[in-house]
Protein backbone atom coordinates (compact mmCIF):
# COMPACT_ATOMS: atom_id res chain seq x y z
CA MET A 1 31.45 -0.26 8.97
CA ALA A 2 30.79 -1.70 5.54
CA TRP A 3 27.35 -1.54 4.01
CA GLY A 4 26.08 -4.07 1.57
CA VAL A 5 23.00 -4.96 -0.34
CA LEU A 6 20.97 -7.92 0.78
CA TRP A 7 20.74 -10.21 -2.19
CA ARG A 8 18.29 -12.98 -2.61
CA PRO A 9 17.61 -14.92 -5.77
CA ALA A 10 14.41 -14.28 -7.66
CA PRO A 11 11.82 -16.99 -7.13
CA ALA A 12 11.57 -19.61 -9.85
CA ALA A 13 8.95 -19.11 -12.57
CA PRO A 14 6.44 -21.61 -11.08
CA GLY A 15 6.59 -19.77 -7.73
CA ARG A 16 6.06 -16.39 -9.38
CA ARG A 17 3.13 -17.76 -11.39
CA ARG A 18 1.57 -19.29 -8.26
CA ARG A 19 1.93 -16.00 -6.37
CA ALA A 20 0.44 -14.02 -9.28
CA ASP A 21 -2.49 -16.45 -9.50
CA PHE A 22 -3.03 -16.14 -5.75
CA LEU A 23 -3.07 -12.33 -5.90
CA VAL A 24 -5.53 -12.31 -8.82
CA GLU A 25 -7.82 -14.72 -6.96
CA ARG A 26 -7.60 -12.63 -3.77
CA GLN A 27 -8.49 -9.47 -5.69
CA LYS A 28 -11.46 -11.23 -7.29
CA ARG A 29 -12.75 -12.44 -3.91
CA LEU A 30 -12.35 -9.02 -2.30
CA GLN A 31 -14.40 -7.47 -5.10
CA GLU A 32 -17.07 -10.17 -4.81
CA GLN A 33 -17.33 -9.48 -1.07
CA GLN A 34 -17.60 -5.74 -1.74
CA THR A 35 -14.54 -5.08 0.39
CA ARG A 36 -13.56 -1.43 0.74
CA LEU A 37 -9.84 -0.66 0.60
CA TRP A 38 -8.02 2.46 1.74
CA ALA A 39 -4.39 3.01 0.77
CA LEU A 40 -2.05 5.70 2.03
CA LEU A 41 1.32 6.12 0.36
CA PRO A 42 3.90 8.85 -0.08
CA VAL A 43 4.08 10.58 -3.44
CA THR A 44 7.77 9.64 -3.50
CA ALA A 45 6.77 5.95 -3.68
CA LEU A 46 5.56 6.66 -7.22
CA ARG A 47 9.15 7.46 -8.19
CA VAL A 48 10.86 4.43 -6.68
CA ARG A 49 12.20 2.46 -9.59
CA VAL A 50 10.96 -1.13 -9.62
CA GLY A 51 11.77 -1.94 -13.23
CA GLY A 52 12.16 -0.39 -16.63
CA ASP A 53 10.17 2.47 -18.11
CA ASP A 54 7.32 0.19 -19.18
CA VAL A 55 6.94 -1.19 -15.65
CA MET A 56 6.99 2.28 -14.10
CA ARG A 57 4.48 3.65 -16.62
CA GLU A 58 2.16 0.69 -16.01
CA GLN A 59 2.50 1.09 -12.24
CA VAL A 60 1.27 4.70 -12.29
CA ARG A 61 -1.53 3.85 -14.74
CA THR A 62 -2.66 0.94 -12.55
CA ILE A 63 -2.75 3.12 -9.43
CA GLN A 64 -4.79 5.67 -11.42
CA GLN A 65 -7.30 3.01 -12.43
CA ILE A 66 -7.54 1.66 -8.89
CA ALA A 67 -8.03 5.16 -7.45
CA GLU A 68 -11.02 5.66 -9.78
CA ARG A 69 -12.84 2.61 -8.44
CA GLY A 70 -15.63 3.25 -5.96
CA ASP A 71 -14.44 0.56 -3.53
CA VAL A 72 -10.91 1.94 -3.15
CA THR A 73 -9.69 5.18 -1.60
CA VAL A 74 -6.12 6.21 -2.37
CA GLN A 75 -4.51 9.04 -0.44
CA LEU A 76 -1.08 10.46 -1.11
CA HIS A 77 1.20 12.06 1.45
CA PRO A 78 2.78 15.17 -0.10
CA GLU A 79 6.49 15.15 -0.78
CA TYR A 80 7.25 18.29 1.24
CA ALA A 81 4.76 17.80 4.07
CA PRO A 82 5.97 17.16 7.61
CA PRO A 83 6.41 13.53 8.59
CA HIS A 84 3.23 11.75 9.64
CA PRO A 85 2.96 9.26 12.54
CA LEU A 86 3.55 6.26 10.26
CA THR A 87 6.73 7.69 8.73
CA GLY A 88 9.41 5.03 9.01
CA VAL A 89 6.96 2.32 10.10
CA PRO A 90 7.11 -0.85 7.96
CA ALA A 91 4.19 -1.58 5.65
CA LEU A 92 1.02 -1.79 7.68
CA THR A 93 -2.42 -3.22 6.99
CA LEU A 94 -5.49 -2.74 9.17
CA TYR A 95 -8.19 -5.35 8.66
CA ARG A 96 -11.71 -4.52 9.78
CA VAL A 97 -14.86 -6.46 9.06
CA GLU A 98 -18.45 -5.46 9.72
CA ILE A 99 -18.99 -8.32 12.19
CA ARG A 100 -18.67 -7.26 15.84
CA GLU A 101 -17.45 -10.67 16.98
CA ILE A 102 -14.37 -10.43 14.76
CA ALA A 103 -11.76 -8.08 16.19
CA ASP A 104 -9.81 -5.65 14.03
CA HIS A 105 -6.36 -6.93 13.12
CA VAL A 106 -3.15 -5.10 12.30
CA VAL A 107 -0.51 -6.76 10.15
CA ARG A 108 2.89 -5.08 10.06
CA GLU A 109 5.34 -6.37 7.49
CA GLY A 110 9.04 -6.08 7.92
CA GLY A 111 11.92 -7.91 9.44
CA LEU A 112 12.93 -10.93 7.42
CA PRO A 113 11.51 -11.19 3.89
CA GLY A 114 8.12 -12.81 3.88
CA THR A 115 7.50 -12.26 7.59
CA ALA A 116 4.88 -10.16 9.35
CA GLU A 117 3.61 -9.43 12.84
CA VAL A 118 -0.13 -9.79 13.47
CA TRP A 119 -2.01 -8.16 16.35
CA ASP A 120 -5.64 -8.42 17.35
CA SER A 121 -5.40 -7.24 20.96
CA PRO A 122 -6.96 -3.81 21.60
CA HIS A 123 -3.89 -1.78 22.62
CA PRO A 124 -1.68 -2.24 19.53
CA VAL A 125 -4.68 -2.17 17.18
CA GLN A 126 -5.99 1.10 18.66
CA THR A 127 -2.49 2.59 18.65
CA TYR A 128 -2.04 1.86 14.94
CA GLN A 129 -5.61 3.00 14.18
CA GLY A 130 -4.82 6.35 15.80
CA MET A 131 -1.56 6.67 13.88
CA LEU A 132 -3.35 5.80 10.65
CA ASP A 133 -6.15 8.29 11.32
CA VAL A 134 -3.72 11.16 11.93
CA SER A 135 -1.64 10.17 8.90
CA CYS A 136 -4.73 10.22 6.68
CA VAL A 137 -5.72 13.65 7.99
CA MET A 138 -2.22 14.92 7.13
CA ALA A 139 -2.36 13.46 3.61
CA MET A 140 -3.90 15.06 0.55
CA ARG A 141 -7.65 14.66 0.26
CA PRO A 142 -8.64 11.61 -1.82
CA ALA A 143 -10.25 13.90 -4.41
CA ARG A 144 -6.77 15.21 -5.32
CA THR A 145 -5.28 11.76 -5.93
CA GLY A 146 -6.30 11.51 -9.59
CA GLU A 147 -4.85 14.94 -10.37
CA VAL A 148 -1.54 14.20 -8.64
CA LEU A 149 -1.24 10.79 -10.31
CA GLN A 150 -1.88 12.38 -13.72
CA ASP A 151 0.74 15.06 -12.98
CA GLU A 152 3.24 12.33 -12.05
CA TYR A 153 2.44 10.43 -15.24
CA ASP A 154 2.71 13.54 -17.41
CA ARG A 155 5.94 14.63 -15.74
CA LYS A 156 7.72 11.42 -16.60
CA TRP A 157 5.77 9.37 -19.15
CA ALA A 158 3.65 11.62 -21.37
C-alpha cells in the first residue's frame, strides 16, 4: 500500500485575513463575556513544527501568555505518562454555559478538513465529559504549566 500526503492549497489572502479577523473578534467577545477556557494538550504538541523558528518561538510565548491569564487554564499531558482516555481522539471542545436551559455541547473536529460533529444529547456529552475529567486528572497540575512552558522555550529558543 502506498502512503501519500494529503495536499490542499493554502487559502487565498482575503480568506486568511477574514478568518484571522473572525478569530480576533471571537476572542474579544469571549473576554467581554468573561468566558472561562480550559485547554488540555500534550507536551509533544509544543514540538510539532508549524513553521519556521520565529513561528515556533511565538507559539510557545503565546501559550505562556495565555496560561498566565486568569480566565484560562492550560494543562499539559506529560510526554512519558500513560495514555489518557482522549489519546487518539480528534480535537474536542466542550461548551458549557451557566444557563440551565442550554444543554452542554461537544464539538469533535476531524474527518474532512473544516468539518466537525456536534452533540448536545446527554449520552455522548456525558461520555466525553467523563473522558475529559479523567484526562485532566492524569495531566500535570495547571500550576506546573508555566514552568514546563518556560523549560520548553529555554530548551529550544533561549
